[in-house]
Amino acid sequence: MARNILVFGASYGALLGIKAALAGHDVTLVCRERTAALINAKGVIVRMPVKGRDGLLDVRSQALAGRIRAATPDGIDPRDFDLVVLAMQEPQYRLPGVRELLAAVAESRLPCLSLMNMPPPPYLARIGGIDAAACAESYTDSSVWERFSPQSMTLCSPDAQAFRPPEEEGNVLQVRLPTNFKAARFEGAEATAMLAEIAEGIENARYESGGEAIDLPVKLKVHESLFVPLAKWSMVMTGNYRCLMPEAIRSIEHAVHADIQASQEVYEWVAKLCRAFGAKDEDMVPFDKYAAAARSLKSPSSAARALEAGAPHVERVDRLVQALAAQKGMRHETVDQTVACVDEWVVRNRLKG
């Protein structure tokens, strides 16, 4: 069945959006007016590596079975959709227009798939033993999530790495690491069945290019465990946030491999924290597998690049992990140092602003 999918965000959200459109679903991307006009005129282009092919393949939305369009927040009625994907950075949900649309989505009780490293508090509330209210200070504005029901919220780990090439227009996205999206099931069977149906369609869809039916990477996988998407925390705490140094930033590869022993200690400590809340070993990703993938991540993380550019707010998974560890009486010196370093960048940017 073709679905109408609303995606908050036209950057990283375009990756899941184009995969859904390939499977025949109609996708609406929420973005700024200028970006919306560009996408509606020229479509979305996602460049990705494909196994067995040289170079990158341009996947163009205008050649797909489903349709991708873009709109500003004020031009959207959530009642027109079957599924909502939250693919903006966490600080963006407090912005005028976005905030009001998010509230309307919450009131609609539509199934919401969060595609953020930072899980919305309603998702945390689904995990036994977590005091979501005690984590409120980790969010830019936790009040935007208060109307959501935990039953309507699930989380998807954004494992695939993608970026907007600076020399291209805003409708182009390039995939750097073509791994899969890993989603936890919803509490309800009906919403979970819809998500599994979309995942199956993405699995089976093929992109036609030059007379060839191509099996594109980056699938959507639906898991029973609530903890599978949280495996990303070990990765972002080991690589993404440790890209930040007191006065400069470095690549994820350098952050991980400059001191591989220290990186493994942080990685496994975060995994231990997840297990303390109920995760199983099979929910986590082995460190060796992540360290090998990090070899291809030769640029700084989006959080590091944003702070270097002067951003006053970024997603604070580092603070969230620290707060959750405190609930279990756990601490790690390197994690505390990372949080302090991010704090310093944020304060410095806010003073400049």
Protein backbone atom coordinates (compact mmCIF):
# COMPACT_ATOMS: atom_id res chain seq x y z
CA MET A 1 0.00 0.00 0.00
CA ALA A 2 1.33 3.43 -0.94
CA ARG A 3 1.69 5.67 2.12
CA ASN A 4 1.91 9.43 2.63
CA ILE A 5 4.99 10.16 4.71
CA LEU A 6 5.84 13.50 6.30
CA VAL A 7 9.54 14.08 6.93
CA PHE A 8 10.79 16.92 9.14
CA GLY A 9 14.00 17.99 7.41
CA ALA A 10 15.15 18.04 3.78
CA SER A 11 18.82 17.26 4.39
CA TYR A 12 19.39 13.91 6.11
CA GLY A 13 15.65 13.25 5.85
CA ALA A 14 16.00 13.20 2.07
CA LEU A 15 17.92 9.92 2.33
CA LEU A 16 15.08 7.97 3.92
CA GLY A 17 12.65 10.00 1.82
CA ILE A 18 14.18 8.94 -1.48
CA LYS A 19 14.29 5.31 -0.37
CA ALA A 20 10.58 5.47 0.52
CA ALA A 21 9.74 7.15 -2.82
CA LEU A 22 11.67 4.43 -4.64
CA ALA A 23 9.31 1.95 -2.97
CA GLY A 24 6.29 3.89 -4.27
CA HIS A 25 5.40 6.08 -1.30
CA ASP A 26 4.69 9.82 -1.46
CA VAL A 27 6.99 11.93 0.71
CA THR A 28 6.71 15.55 1.85
CA LEU A 29 9.87 17.18 3.20
CA VAL A 30 9.46 20.03 5.72
CA CYS A 31 12.04 22.75 5.10
CA ARG A 32 12.64 26.45 4.48
CA GLU A 33 10.83 28.20 1.64
CA ARG A 34 13.92 28.59 -0.55
CA THR A 35 14.85 24.91 -0.22
CA ALA A 36 11.25 23.85 -0.83
CA ALA A 37 11.12 25.85 -4.06
CA LEU A 38 14.39 24.28 -5.23
CA ILE A 39 13.25 20.72 -4.48
CA ASN A 40 9.85 21.23 -6.08
CA ALA A 41 11.51 22.57 -9.22
CA LYS A 42 14.45 20.18 -9.58
CA GLY A 43 13.66 17.22 -7.30
CA VAL A 44 16.07 15.58 -4.85
CA ILE A 45 19.38 13.99 -5.87
CA VAL A 46 21.04 11.49 -3.52
CA ARG A 47 24.53 10.37 -4.49
CA MET A 48 25.55 7.02 -3.08
CA PRO A 49 28.14 4.30 -3.55
CA VAL A 50 26.77 1.02 -4.89
CA LYS A 51 28.55 -2.28 -4.38
CA GLY A 52 30.21 -3.48 -7.57
CA ARG A 53 30.08 -0.08 -9.29
CA ASP A 54 32.77 2.57 -9.62
CA GLY A 55 32.10 6.08 -8.37
CA LEU A 56 28.80 7.39 -7.07
CA LEU A 57 25.33 6.84 -8.50
CA ASP A 58 22.95 9.79 -8.71
CA VAL A 59 19.50 8.68 -7.55
CA ARG A 60 16.98 11.25 -8.81
CA SER A 61 13.60 11.60 -7.16
CA GLN A 62 11.88 12.66 -10.38
CA ALA A 63 12.53 9.18 -11.83
CA LEU A 64 10.88 7.27 -8.94
CA ALA A 65 7.51 5.59 -8.55
CA GLY A 66 6.63 7.72 -5.54
CA ARG A 67 6.65 11.50 -5.40
CA ILE A 68 8.86 13.78 -3.29
CA ARG A 69 7.71 17.32 -2.70
CA ALA A 70 8.73 19.94 -0.17
CA ALA A 71 6.76 22.47 1.88
CA THR A 72 7.19 24.99 4.66
CA PRO A 73 5.68 24.09 8.07
CA ASP A 74 2.69 26.40 7.71
CA GLY A 75 1.54 24.63 4.54
CA ILE A 76 1.10 21.19 6.10
CA ASP A 77 -1.83 19.40 7.73
CA PRO A 78 -0.66 16.27 9.62
CA ARG A 79 -4.04 14.62 8.99
CA ASP A 80 -2.97 14.09 5.37
CA PHE A 81 -0.26 11.60 6.37
CA ASP A 82 0.18 8.03 7.61
CA LEU A 83 3.65 8.31 9.15
CA VAL A 84 5.85 11.15 10.42
CA VAL A 85 9.65 10.98 10.31
CA LEU A 86 11.59 13.33 12.59
CA ALA A 87 14.88 13.92 10.77
CA MET A 88 15.89 17.41 11.89
CA GLN A 89 18.57 18.12 14.46
CA GLU A 90 17.04 18.26 17.95
CA PRO A 91 17.51 22.06 18.47
CA GLN A 92 15.48 22.81 15.32
CA TYR A 93 12.17 21.57 16.74
CA ARG A 94 11.86 24.67 18.94
CA LEU A 95 11.94 27.06 15.97
CA PRO A 96 8.82 29.08 15.05
CA GLY A 97 6.64 27.22 12.59
CA VAL A 98 8.36 23.90 13.22
CA ARG A 99 7.27 23.98 16.86
CA GLU A 100 3.62 24.55 15.95
CA LEU A 101 3.63 21.79 13.33
CA LEU A 102 5.24 19.41 15.81
CA ALA A 103 2.48 20.19 18.31
CA ALA A 104 -0.14 19.42 15.67
CA VAL A 105 1.57 16.10 14.95
CA ALA A 106 1.52 15.28 18.67
CA GLU A 107 -2.20 16.02 18.87
CA SER A 108 -2.86 13.83 15.82
CA ARG A 109 -1.33 10.75 17.52
CA LEU A 110 0.21 9.77 14.18
CA PRO A 111 3.03 7.19 14.41
CA CYS A 112 6.34 9.05 14.60
CA LEU A 113 9.71 7.59 13.64
CA SER A 114 12.51 9.66 15.15
CA LEU A 115 15.61 9.67 12.98
CA MET A 116 17.80 11.47 15.51
CA ASN A 117 20.79 10.47 17.60
CA MET A 118 18.94 12.25 20.41
CA PRO A 119 15.87 10.15 21.30
CA PRO A 120 12.78 12.25 22.12
CA PRO A 121 11.76 11.97 25.80
CA PRO A 122 8.57 10.00 24.92
CA TYR A 123 10.79 7.27 23.51
CA LEU A 124 12.93 7.21 26.65
CA ALA A 125 9.72 6.82 28.62
CA ARG A 126 9.18 3.47 26.88
CA ILE A 127 12.36 2.08 28.49
CA GLY A 128 11.90 0.78 32.01
CA GLY A 129 14.20 2.30 34.61
CA ILE A 130 14.85 5.57 32.76
CA ASP A 131 13.64 8.77 34.39
CA ALA A 132 13.00 10.80 31.24
CA ALA A 133 12.09 13.92 33.25
CA ALA A 134 15.54 13.93 34.87
CA CYS A 135 17.08 14.20 31.38
CA ALA A 136 15.18 17.37 30.41
CA GLU A 137 18.23 19.63 30.68
CA SER A 138 19.94 17.61 27.95
CA TYR A 139 17.42 18.98 25.42
CA THR A 140 17.39 22.46 23.90
CA ASP A 141 13.70 22.77 24.81
CA SER A 142 12.13 19.61 26.22
CA SER A 143 8.68 21.23 26.35
CA VAL A 144 8.15 20.62 22.61
CA TRP A 145 7.86 16.88 23.34
CA GLU A 146 5.39 17.08 26.23
CA ARG A 147 2.24 16.43 24.15
CA PHE A 148 3.55 13.22 22.59
CA SER A 149 2.38 9.82 23.74
CA PRO A 150 5.10 7.17 24.13
CA GLN A 151 2.79 4.81 22.24
CA SER A 152 3.11 6.93 19.09
CA MET A 153 6.90 7.35 19.20
CA THR A 154 9.72 5.07 18.10
CA LEU A 155 13.39 5.58 17.31
CA CYS A 156 15.53 4.80 14.28
CA SER A 157 19.32 4.86 14.45
CA PRO A 158 20.72 7.12 11.70
CA ASP A 159 23.72 4.88 11.05
CA ALA A 160 24.12 5.88 7.41
CA GLN A 161 26.45 8.86 7.06
CA ALA A 162 25.49 11.59 4.58
CA PHE A 163 26.20 15.28 3.96
CA ARG A 164 25.33 18.11 1.63
CA PRO A 165 28.31 18.80 -0.67
CA PRO A 166 29.15 22.49 -0.12
CA GLU A 167 29.66 23.10 -3.83
CA GLU A 168 26.18 21.81 -4.73
CA GLU A 169 22.68 23.21 -4.43
CA GLY A 170 20.54 22.38 -1.40
CA ASN A 171 18.67 19.55 -3.13
CA VAL A 172 21.77 17.33 -3.34
CA LEU A 173 22.79 14.86 -0.63
CA GLN A 174 25.85 12.61 -0.73
CA VAL A 175 26.09 9.34 1.18
CA ARG A 176 29.48 8.70 2.74
CA LEU A 177 28.74 5.47 4.65
CA PRO A 178 25.81 3.46 3.17
CA THR A 179 24.77 1.45 6.24
CA ASN A 180 21.18 0.61 7.22
CA PHE A 181 18.59 2.48 9.27
CA LYS A 182 17.74 0.44 12.40
CA ALA A 183 14.29 1.13 13.86
CA ALA A 184 12.69 -0.21 17.02
CA ARG A 185 9.11 -1.41 16.82
CA PHE A 186 6.20 0.77 17.95
CA GLU A 187 4.22 -0.31 20.99
CA GLY A 188 1.15 -0.91 18.81
CA ALA A 189 0.92 -3.80 16.35
CA GLU A 190 -0.77 -1.75 13.61
CA ALA A 191 1.90 0.97 13.46
CA THR A 192 4.65 -1.65 13.64
CA ALA A 193 3.08 -3.58 10.76
CA MET A 194 2.99 -0.40 8.64
CA LEU A 195 6.66 0.28 9.39
CA ALA A 196 7.60 -3.32 8.53
CA GLU A 197 5.62 -3.03 5.28
CA ILE A 198 7.52 0.13 4.31
CA ALA A 199 10.80 -1.60 5.19
CA GLU A 200 9.91 -4.58 3.01
CA GLY A 201 9.08 -2.28 0.11
CA ILE A 202 12.42 -0.54 0.44
CA GLU A 203 14.17 -3.92 0.58
CA ASN A 204 12.58 -5.09 -2.66
CA ALA A 205 12.68 -1.83 -4.66
CA ARG A 206 15.17 -1.42 -7.50
CA TYR A 207 16.40 1.76 -9.19
CA GLU A 208 16.38 1.78 -12.98
CA SER A 209 19.50 3.29 -14.54
CA GLY A 210 20.91 2.66 -17.99
CA GLY A 211 18.57 -0.27 -18.50
CA GLU A 212 19.75 -1.93 -15.29
CA ALA A 213 17.69 -2.61 -12.15
CA ILE A 214 20.04 -1.62 -9.29
CA ASP A 215 19.72 -2.78 -5.69
CA LEU A 216 20.57 0.37 -3.74
CA PRO A 217 22.17 0.26 -0.28
CA VAL A 218 20.72 1.82 2.90
CA LYS A 219 17.76 -0.34 3.89
CA LEU A 220 15.28 0.11 6.73
CA LYS A 221 15.34 -2.67 9.33
CA VAL A 222 12.69 -3.03 12.04
CA HIS A 223 13.74 -4.63 15.34
CA GLU A 224 11.83 -5.90 18.34
CA SER A 225 14.35 -4.51 20.82
CA LEU A 226 14.07 -0.91 22.03
CA PHE A 227 17.84 -0.82 22.46
CA VAL A 228 19.04 -1.50 18.91
CA PRO A 229 18.86 2.22 17.94
CA LEU A 230 20.76 3.15 21.12
CA ALA A 231 23.84 1.31 19.84
CA LYS A 232 24.58 4.58 18.01
CA TRP A 233 25.36 6.23 21.36
CA SER A 234 28.66 4.36 21.67
CA MET A 235 29.57 5.59 18.20
CA VAL A 236 28.74 9.26 18.70
CA MET A 237 30.43 9.36 22.11
CA THR A 238 33.57 7.70 20.75
CA GLY A 239 33.79 9.56 17.46
CA ASN A 240 31.35 12.42 16.81
CA TYR A 241 31.78 14.44 20.00
CA ARG A 242 35.46 13.65 20.40
CA CYS A 243 36.02 15.44 17.08
CA LEU A 244 35.95 18.56 19.25
CA MET A 245 39.19 19.71 20.83
CA PRO A 246 39.55 22.87 22.96
CA GLU A 247 40.40 25.16 20.02
CA ALA A 248 39.98 23.04 16.88
CA ILE A 249 38.12 20.10 15.38
CA ARG A 250 39.31 16.86 13.78
CA SER A 251 37.90 14.06 11.67
CA ILE A 252 35.92 11.17 13.14
CA GLU A 253 38.66 8.85 11.88
CA HIS A 254 41.28 10.80 13.83
CA ALA A 255 39.12 11.01 16.95
CA VAL A 256 38.71 7.22 16.99
CA HIS A 257 42.13 6.05 15.83
CA ALA A 258 44.48 8.62 17.40
CA ASP A 259 44.18 6.65 20.66
CA ILE A 260 42.41 3.41 19.86
CA GLN A 261 42.60 2.07 23.42
CA ALA A 262 40.94 5.17 24.89
CA SER A 263 38.31 5.01 22.14
CA GLN A 264 37.51 1.38 22.91
CA GLU A 265 37.18 2.17 26.62
CA VAL A 266 34.61 4.91 25.94
CA TYR A 267 32.76 2.79 23.39
CA GLU A 268 32.42 -0.21 25.69
CA TRP A 269 31.52 1.93 28.71
CA VAL A 270 28.55 3.45 26.84
CA ALA A 271 27.49 -0.04 25.72
CA LYS A 272 27.70 -1.13 29.37
CA LEU A 273 25.39 1.76 30.30
CA CYS A 274 22.85 0.58 27.71
CA ARG A 275 23.04 -2.94 29.14
CA ALA A 276 22.43 -1.53 32.61
CA PHE A 277 19.01 -0.36 31.37
CA GLY A 278 18.21 -3.71 29.74
CA ALA A 279 20.04 -3.96 26.41
CA LYS A 280 21.38 -7.34 25.30
CA ASP A 281 24.79 -7.97 23.80
CA GLU A 282 23.19 -8.64 20.41
CA ASP A 283 21.62 -5.14 20.44
CA MET A 284 25.05 -3.54 20.42
CA VAL A 285 27.58 -3.18 17.58
CA PRO A 286 31.07 -4.61 18.28
CA PHE A 287 33.79 -1.98 18.63
CA ASP A 288 35.98 -3.54 15.93
CA LYS A 289 33.18 -3.15 13.38
CA TYR A 290 32.70 0.52 14.27
CA ALA A 291 36.45 1.22 14.29
CA ALA A 292 36.75 -0.24 10.78
CA ALA A 293 33.84 1.91 9.54
CA ALA A 294 35.38 5.01 11.15
CA ARG A 295 38.36 4.66 8.80
CA SER A 296 36.13 6.01 6.01
CA LEU A 297 34.87 8.99 8.05
CA LYS A 298 37.55 11.46 7.10
CA SER A 299 35.70 14.65 7.99
CA PRO A 300 34.48 16.03 11.33
CA SER A 301 31.00 15.21 12.62
CA SER A 302 28.06 17.50 11.88
CA ALA A 303 27.99 18.61 15.54
CA ALA A 304 31.67 19.57 15.43
CA ARG A 305 31.28 21.42 12.13
CA ALA A 306 28.23 23.27 13.45
CA LEU A 307 30.04 24.42 16.57
CA GLU A 308 33.08 25.50 14.57
CA ALA A 309 30.71 27.56 12.39
CA GLY A 310 29.35 29.30 15.50
CA ALA A 311 26.14 27.39 16.26
CA PRO A 312 24.76 28.23 19.73
CA HIS A 313 22.91 24.88 19.99
CA VAL A 314 23.67 21.31 18.91
CA GLU A 315 22.27 17.92 19.83
CA ARG A 316 23.63 16.98 23.25
CA VAL A 317 23.74 13.19 23.27
CA ASP A 318 26.89 13.61 25.35
CA ARG A 319 24.89 15.32 28.11
CA LEU A 320 22.09 12.78 27.84
CA VAL A 321 24.49 9.86 28.22
CA GLN A 322 26.08 11.55 31.21
CA ALA A 323 22.67 12.16 32.83
CA LEU A 324 21.52 8.58 32.23
CA ALA A 325 24.79 7.25 33.66
CA ALA A 326 24.19 9.30 36.81
CA GLN A 327 20.86 7.48 37.24
CA LYS A 328 22.87 4.24 37.48
CA GLY A 329 25.68 5.69 39.58
CA MET A 330 28.13 5.44 36.67
CA ARG A 331 30.81 7.93 35.56
CA HIS A 332 33.61 7.95 33.03
CA GLU A 333 36.39 10.54 33.06
CA THR A 334 36.68 10.82 29.28
CA VAL A 335 32.91 11.26 28.92
CA ASP A 336 32.95 14.02 31.54
CA GLN A 337 35.83 15.70 29.68
CA THR A 338 33.91 15.47 26.41
CA VAL A 339 30.82 17.07 27.95
CA ALA A 340 32.95 19.86 29.39
CA CYS A 341 34.60 20.48 26.01
CA VAL A 342 31.24 20.71 24.21
CA ASP A 343 29.97 23.03 26.96
CA GLU A 344 32.94 25.34 26.38
CA TRP A 345 32.27 25.52 22.63
CA VAL A 346 28.57 26.21 23.18
CA VAL A 347 29.22 28.97 25.74
CA ARG A 348 31.86 30.57 23.54
CA ASN A 349 29.50 30.60 20.56
CA ARG A 350 26.65 32.07 22.58
CA LEU A 351 28.89 34.85 23.89
CA LYS A 352 29.99 35.63 20.33
CA GLY A 353 26.37 35.63 19.19
